[in-house]
């Protein structure tokens, strides 16, 4: 659970992968993103490049091929 206090105009998103490797404990690999002000025209969601970078980081961290289900 993430508790956020303060102004309601801020937006915080998290994307995560639950990774399992045979014989080891699972890992949670995540990327948080604090979005800019709503009136600044900043992107309000993750782009496909953010998801790509998360998968690449997970592959390097696990050191094994990945199967995405």
PDB file of N, CA and C in Angstrom:
ATOM      1  N   UNK A   1       0.843  -1.161   0.000  1.00  0.00           N
ATOM      2  CA  UNK A   1       0.000   0.000   0.000  1.00  0.00           C
ATOM      3  C   UNK A   1       0.897   1.236   0.000  1.00  0.00           C
ATOM      4  N   UNK A   2       0.543   2.186  -0.796  1.00  0.00           N
ATOM      5  CA  UNK A   2       1.272   3.447  -0.850  1.00  0.00           C
ATOM      6  C   UNK A   2       0.321   4.546  -0.403  1.00  0.00           C
ATOM      7  N   UNK A   3       0.682   5.236   0.646  1.00  0.00           N
ATOM      8  CA  UNK A   3      -0.140   6.338   1.137  1.00  0.00           C
ATOM      9  C   UNK A   3       0.467   7.644   0.645  1.00  0.00           C
ATOM     10  N   UNK A   4      -0.327   8.443   0.006  1.00  0.00           N
ATOM     11  CA  UNK A   4       0.139   9.702  -0.543  1.00  0.00           C
ATOM     12  C   UNK A   4      -0.614  10.830   0.153  1.00  0.00           C
ATOM     13  N   UNK A   5       0.143  11.783   0.650  1.00  0.00           N
ATOM     14  CA  UNK A   5      -0.482  12.931   1.312  1.00  0.00           C
ATOM     15  C   UNK A   5      -0.084  14.192   0.576  1.00  0.00           C
ATOM     16  N   UNK A   6      -0.906  15.162   0.652  1.00  0.00           N
ATOM     17  CA  UNK A   6      -0.585  16.424  -0.004  1.00  0.00           C
ATOM     18  C   UNK A   6      -1.655  16.815  -0.989  1.00  0.00           C
ATOM     19  N   UNK A   7      -1.251  17.632  -1.937  1.00  0.00           N
ATOM     20  CA  UNK A   7      -2.210  18.118  -2.920  1.00  0.00           C
ATOM     21  C   UNK A   7      -2.729  16.974  -3.777  1.00  0.00           C
ATOM     22  N   UNK A   8      -3.967  17.070  -4.171  1.00  0.00           N
ATOM     23  CA  UNK A   8      -4.580  16.011  -4.965  1.00  0.00           C
ATOM     24  C   UNK A   8      -4.268  16.145  -6.449  1.00  0.00           C
ATOM     25  N   UNK A   9      -3.592  17.217  -6.862  1.00  0.00           N
ATOM     26  CA  UNK A   9      -3.305  17.405  -8.269  1.00  0.00           C
ATOM     27  C   UNK A   9      -2.062  16.652  -8.725  1.00  0.00           C
ATOM     28  N   UNK A  10      -1.363  16.018  -7.824  1.00  0.00           N
ATOM     29  CA  UNK A  10      -0.185  15.243  -8.201  1.00  0.00           C
ATOM     30  C   UNK A  10      -0.604  13.826  -8.547  1.00  0.00           C
ATOM     31  N   UNK A  11       0.110  13.250  -9.470  1.00  0.00           N
ATOM     32  CA  UNK A  11      -0.228  11.889  -9.885  1.00  0.00           C
ATOM     33  C   UNK A  11       1.029  11.041  -9.840  1.00  0.00           C
ATOM     34  N   UNK A  12       0.908   9.864  -9.251  1.00  0.00           N
ATOM     35  CA  UNK A  12       2.026   8.968  -9.064  1.00  0.00           C
ATOM     36  C   UNK A  12       1.597   7.604  -9.586  1.00  0.00           C
ATOM     37  N   UNK A  13       2.356   7.030 -10.510  1.00  0.00           N
ATOM     38  CA  UNK A  13       2.022   5.726 -11.077  1.00  0.00           C
ATOM     39  C   UNK A  13       3.163   4.752 -10.826  1.00  0.00           C
ATOM     40  N   UNK A  14       2.812   3.480 -10.754  1.00  0.00           N
ATOM     41  CA  UNK A  14       3.809   2.426 -10.570  1.00  0.00           C
ATOM     42  C   UNK A  14       3.484   1.296 -11.527  1.00  0.00           C
ATOM     43  N   UNK A  15       4.501   0.790 -12.199  1.00  0.00           N
ATOM     44  CA  UNK A  15       4.350  -0.416 -12.994  1.00  0.00           C
ATOM     45  C   UNK A  15       5.315  -1.443 -12.414  1.00  0.00           C
ATOM     46  N   UNK A  16       4.901  -2.717 -12.394  1.00  0.00           N
ATOM     47  CA  UNK A  16       5.713  -3.723 -11.717  1.00  0.00           C
ATOM     48  C   UNK A  16       5.613  -5.075 -12.408  1.00  0.00           C
ATOM     49  N   UNK A  17       6.638  -5.879 -12.184  1.00  0.00           N
ATOM     50  CA  UNK A  17       6.670  -7.263 -12.650  1.00  0.00           C
ATOM     51  C   UNK A  17       6.933  -8.166 -11.457  1.00  0.00           C
ATOM     52  N   UNK A  18       6.173  -9.236 -11.336  1.00  0.00           N
ATOM     53  CA  UNK A  18       6.465 -10.269 -10.345  1.00  0.00           C
ATOM     54  C   UNK A  18       7.228 -11.353 -11.090  1.00  0.00           C
ATOM     55  N   UNK A  19       8.498 -11.538 -10.737  1.00  0.00           N
ATOM     56  CA  UNK A  19       9.372 -12.456 -11.472  1.00  0.00           C
ATOM     57  C   UNK A  19       9.672 -13.688 -10.638  1.00  0.00           C
ATOM     58  N   UNK A  20       9.549 -14.848 -11.259  1.00  0.00           N
ATOM     59  CA  UNK A  20       9.802 -16.109 -10.591  1.00  0.00           C
ATOM     60  C   UNK A  20      10.900 -16.855 -11.332  1.00  0.00           C
ATOM     61  N   UNK A  21      11.861 -17.381 -10.580  1.00  0.00           N
ATOM     62  CA  UNK A  21      12.929 -18.176 -11.152  1.00  0.00           C
ATOM     63  C   UNK A  21      12.974 -19.486 -10.369  1.00  0.00           C
ATOM     64  N   UNK A  22      13.005 -20.602 -11.066  1.00  0.00           N
ATOM     65  CA  UNK A  22      12.945 -21.916 -10.421  1.00  0.00           C
ATOM     66  C   UNK A  22      13.999 -22.045  -9.324  1.00  0.00           C
ATOM     67  N   UNK A  23      13.552 -22.450  -8.145  1.00  0.00           N
ATOM     68  CA  UNK A  23      14.455 -22.680  -7.028  1.00  0.00           C
ATOM     69  C   UNK A  23      14.856 -21.441  -6.258  1.00  0.00           C
ATOM     70  N   UNK A  24      14.315 -20.280  -6.613  1.00  0.00           N
ATOM     71  CA  UNK A  24      14.662 -19.033  -5.921  1.00  0.00           C
ATOM     72  C   UNK A  24      13.398 -18.317  -5.474  1.00  0.00           C
ATOM     73  N   UNK A  25      13.589 -17.341  -4.608  1.00  0.00           N
ATOM     74  CA  UNK A  25      12.459 -16.524  -4.180  1.00  0.00           C
ATOM     75  C   UNK A  25      12.035 -15.604  -5.323  1.00  0.00           C
ATOM     76  N   UNK A  26      10.776 -15.201  -5.299  1.00  0.00           N
ATOM     77  CA  UNK A  26      10.301 -14.311  -6.349  1.00  0.00           C
ATOM     78  C   UNK A  26      10.866 -12.908  -6.128  1.00  0.00           C
ATOM     79  N   UNK A  27      10.869 -12.128  -7.180  1.00  0.00           N
ATOM     80  CA  UNK A  27      11.329 -10.745  -7.116  1.00  0.00           C
ATOM     81  C   UNK A  27      10.238  -9.838  -7.668  1.00  0.00           C
ATOM     82  N   UNK A  28      10.127  -8.693  -7.069  1.00  0.00           N
ATOM     83  CA  UNK A  28       9.216  -7.674  -7.558  1.00  0.00           C
ATOM     84  C   UNK A  28      10.076  -6.546  -8.106  1.00  0.00           C
ATOM     85  N   UNK A  29      10.019  -6.353  -9.407  1.00  0.00           N
ATOM     86  CA  UNK A  29      10.796  -5.312 -10.066  1.00  0.00           C
ATOM     87  C   UNK A  29       9.799  -4.235 -10.486  1.00  0.00           C
ATOM     88  N   UNK A  30      10.052  -3.004 -10.049  1.00  0.00           N
ATOM     89  CA  UNK A  30       9.071  -1.951 -10.298  1.00  0.00           C
ATOM     90  C   UNK A  30       9.735  -0.657 -10.711  1.00  0.00           C
ATOM     91  N   UNK A  31       8.929   0.204 -11.310  1.00  0.00           N
ATOM     92  CA  UNK A  31       9.367   1.529 -11.721  1.00  0.00           C
ATOM     93  C   UNK A  31       8.283   2.536 -11.325  1.00  0.00           C
ATOM     94  N   UNK A  32       8.595   3.433 -10.417  1.00  0.00           N
ATOM     95  CA  UNK A  32       7.630   4.490 -10.088  1.00  0.00           C
ATOM     96  C   UNK A  32       7.783   5.667 -11.039  1.00  0.00           C
ATOM     97  N   UNK A  33       6.741   6.444 -11.163  1.00  0.00           N
ATOM     98  CA  UNK A  33       6.804   7.636 -12.008  1.00  0.00           C
ATOM     99  C   UNK A  33       5.933   8.720 -11.392  1.00  0.00           C
ATOM    100  N   UNK A  34       6.557   9.856 -11.110  1.00  0.00           N
ATOM    101  CA  UNK A  34       5.839  11.021 -10.621  1.00  0.00           C
ATOM    102  C   UNK A  34       5.543  11.892 -11.827  1.00  0.00           C
ATOM    103  N   UNK A  35       4.284  12.103 -12.104  1.00  0.00           N
ATOM    104  CA  UNK A  35       3.882  12.863 -13.274  1.00  0.00           C
ATOM    105  C   UNK A  35       3.949  14.350 -12.983  1.00  0.00           C
ATOM    106  N   UNK A  36       4.169  15.116 -14.024  1.00  0.00           N
ATOM    107  CA  UNK A  36       4.243  16.568 -13.895  1.00  0.00           C
ATOM    108  C   UNK A  36       2.891  17.166 -13.570  1.00  0.00           C
ATOM    109  N   UNK A  37       2.879  18.452 -13.475  1.00  0.00           N
ATOM    110  CA  UNK A  37       1.626  19.161 -13.196  1.00  0.00           C
ATOM    111  C   UNK A  37       0.613  18.896 -14.302  1.00  0.00           C
ATOM    112  N   UNK A  38      -0.638  18.840 -13.932  1.00  0.00           N
ATOM    113  CA  UNK A  38      -1.685  18.525 -14.899  1.00  0.00           C
ATOM    114  C   UNK A  38      -1.835  19.599 -15.966  1.00  0.00           C
ATOM    115  N   UNK A  39      -1.555  20.842 -15.622  1.00  0.00           N
ATOM    116  CA  UNK A  39      -1.743  21.908 -16.599  1.00  0.00           C
ATOM    117  C   UNK A  39      -0.506  22.148 -17.469  1.00  0.00           C
ATOM    118  N   UNK A  40       0.558  21.395 -17.255  1.00  0.00           N
ATOM    119  CA  UNK A  40       1.786  21.621 -18.018  1.00  0.00           C
ATOM    120  C   UNK A  40       1.816  20.850 -19.339  1.00  0.00           C
ATOM    121  N   UNK A  41       0.845  19.985 -19.565  1.00  0.00           N
ATOM    122  CA  UNK A  41       0.821  19.207 -20.792  1.00  0.00           C
ATOM    123  C   UNK A  41       1.734  17.988 -20.742  1.00  0.00           C
ATOM    124  N   UNK A  42       2.238  17.640 -19.564  1.00  0.00           N
ATOM    125  CA  UNK A  42       3.116  16.483 -19.420  1.00  0.00           C
ATOM    126  C   UNK A  42       2.317  15.192 -19.601  1.00  0.00           C
ATOM    127  N   UNK A  43       3.009  14.150 -20.013  1.00  0.00           N
ATOM    128  CA  UNK A  43       2.372  12.859 -20.216  1.00  0.00           C
ATOM    129  C   UNK A  43       1.807  12.346 -18.895  1.00  0.00           C
ATOM    130  N   UNK A  44       0.609  11.778 -18.928  1.00  0.00           N
ATOM    131  CA  UNK A  44      -0.066  11.329 -17.711  1.00  0.00           C
ATOM    132  C   UNK A  44      -0.064   9.818 -17.543  1.00  0.00           C
ATOM    133  N   UNK A  45       0.724   9.128 -18.326  1.00  0.00           N
ATOM    134  CA  UNK A  45       0.773   7.671 -18.216  1.00  0.00           C
ATOM    135  C   UNK A  45       2.147   7.181 -18.651  1.00  0.00           C
ATOM    136  N   UNK A  46       2.360   5.881 -18.506  1.00  0.00           N
ATOM    137  CA  UNK A  46       3.607   5.291 -18.977  1.00  0.00           C
ATOM    138  C   UNK A  46       3.567   5.166 -20.496  1.00  0.00           C
ATOM    139  N   UNK A  47       4.695   5.379 -21.123  1.00  0.00           N
ATOM    140  CA  UNK A  47       4.818   5.198 -22.567  1.00  0.00           C
ATOM    141  C   UNK A  47       5.312   3.768 -22.824  1.00  0.00           C
ATOM    142  N   UNK A  48       5.215   3.322 -24.061  1.00  0.00           N
ATOM    143  CA  UNK A  48       5.671   1.967 -24.380  1.00  0.00           C
ATOM    144  C   UNK A  48       7.163   1.834 -24.099  1.00  0.00           C
ATOM    145  N   UNK A  49       7.909   2.913 -24.196  1.00  0.00           N
ATOM    146  CA  UNK A  49       9.353   2.851 -23.911  1.00  0.00           C
ATOM    147  C   UNK A  49       9.616   2.606 -22.431  1.00  0.00           C
ATOM    148  N   UNK A  50       8.734   3.089 -21.551  1.00  0.00           N
ATOM    149  CA  UNK A  50       8.881   2.824 -20.113  1.00  0.00           C
ATOM    150  C   UNK A  50       8.693   1.332 -19.821  1.00  0.00           C
ATOM    151  N   UNK A  51       7.708   0.721 -20.466  1.00  0.00           N
ATOM    152  CA  UNK A  51       7.486  -0.717 -20.285  1.00  0.00           C
ATOM    153  C   UNK A  51       8.648  -1.521 -20.876  1.00  0.00           C
ATOM    154  N   UNK A  52       9.142  -1.091 -22.028  1.00  0.00           N
ATOM    155  CA  UNK A  52      10.287  -1.752 -22.645  1.00  0.00           C
ATOM    156  C   UNK A  52      11.499  -1.710 -21.713  1.00  0.00           C
ATOM    157  N   UNK A  53      11.763  -0.554 -21.126  1.00  0.00           N
ATOM    158  CA  UNK A  53      12.900  -0.407 -20.220  1.00  0.00           C
ATOM    159  C   UNK A  53      12.740  -1.262 -18.971  1.00  0.00           C
ATOM    160  N   UNK A  54      11.508  -1.402 -18.483  1.00  0.00           N
ATOM    161  CA  UNK A  54      11.255  -2.265 -17.325  1.00  0.00           C
ATOM    162  C   UNK A  54      11.558  -3.718 -17.656  1.00  0.00           C
ATOM    163  N   UNK A  55      11.115  -4.193 -18.817  1.00  0.00           N
ATOM    164  CA  UNK A  55      11.393  -5.575 -19.222  1.00  0.00           C
ATOM    165  C   UNK A  55      12.887  -5.809 -19.435  1.00  0.00           C
ATOM    166  N   UNK A  56      13.575  -4.838 -20.009  1.00  0.00           N
ATOM    167  CA  UNK A  56      15.021  -4.957 -20.217  1.00  0.00           C
ATOM    168  C   UNK A  56      15.754  -5.017 -18.879  1.00  0.00           C
ATOM    169  N   UNK A  57      15.362  -4.171 -17.940  1.00  0.00           N
ATOM    170  CA  UNK A  57      15.986  -4.173 -16.608  1.00  0.00           C
ATOM    171  C   UNK A  57      15.738  -5.491 -15.890  1.00  0.00           C
ATOM    172  N   UNK A  58      14.533  -6.035 -16.010  1.00  0.00           N
ATOM    173  CA  UNK A  58      14.221  -7.314 -15.367  1.00  0.00           C
ATOM    174  C   UNK A  58      15.064  -8.427 -15.974  1.00  0.00           C
ATOM    175  N   UNK A  59      15.214  -8.429 -17.285  1.00  0.00           N
ATOM    176  CA  UNK A  59      16.033  -9.446 -17.952  1.00  0.00           C
ATOM    177  C   UNK A  59      17.474  -9.396 -17.452  1.00  0.00           C
ATOM    178  N   UNK A  60      18.036  -8.199 -17.329  1.00  0.00           N
ATOM    179  CA  UNK A  60      19.409  -8.053 -16.852  1.00  0.00           C
ATOM    180  C   UNK A  60      19.535  -8.422 -15.380  1.00  0.00           C
ATOM    181  N   UNK A  61      18.540  -8.071 -14.589  1.00  0.00           N
ATOM    182  CA  UNK A  61      18.581  -8.361 -13.159  1.00  0.00           C
ATOM    183  C   UNK A  61      18.466  -9.855 -12.890  1.00  0.00           C
ATOM    184  N   UNK A  62      17.628 -10.536 -13.642  1.00  0.00           N
ATOM    185  CA  UNK A  62      17.424 -11.970 -13.427  1.00  0.00           C
ATOM    186  C   UNK A  62      18.518 -12.811 -14.067  1.00  0.00           C
ATOM    187  N   UNK A  63      19.095 -12.319 -15.137  1.00  0.00           N
ATOM    188  CA  UNK A  63      20.155 -13.065 -15.814  1.00  0.00           C
ATOM    189  C   UNK A  63      19.649 -14.348 -16.469  1.00  0.00           C
ATOM    190  N   UNK A  64      18.421 -14.321 -16.954  1.00  0.00           N
ATOM    191  CA  UNK A  64      17.834 -15.502 -17.580  1.00  0.00           C
ATOM    192  C   UNK A  64      16.799 -15.043 -18.599  1.00  0.00           C
ATOM    193  N   UNK A  65      16.444 -15.942 -19.541  1.00  0.00           N
ATOM    194  CA  UNK A  65      15.373 -15.599 -20.482  1.00  0.00           C
ATOM    195  C   UNK A  65      14.062 -15.368 -19.733  1.00  0.00           C
ATOM    196  N   UNK A  66      13.209 -14.540 -20.311  1.00  0.00           N
ATOM    197  CA  UNK A  66      11.934 -14.230 -19.674  1.00  0.00           C
ATOM    198  C   UNK A  66      10.784 -14.791 -20.489  1.00  0.00           C
ATOM    199  N   UNK A  67       9.761 -15.231 -19.779  1.00  0.00           N
ATOM    200  CA  UNK A  67       8.517 -15.660 -20.407  1.00  0.00           C
ATOM    201  C   UNK A  67       7.430 -14.749 -19.847  1.00  0.00           C
ATOM    202  N   UNK A  68       6.801 -13.979 -20.702  1.00  0.00           N
ATOM    203  CA  UNK A  68       5.770 -13.037 -20.280  1.00  0.00           C
ATOM    204  C   UNK A  68       4.422 -13.696 -20.521  1.00  0.00           C
ATOM    205  N   UNK A  69       3.631 -13.769 -19.465  1.00  0.00           N
ATOM    206  CA  UNK A  69       2.307 -14.406 -19.557  1.00  0.00           C
ATOM    207  C   UNK A  69       1.242 -13.361 -19.364  1.00  0.00           C
TER     208      UNK A  69
END
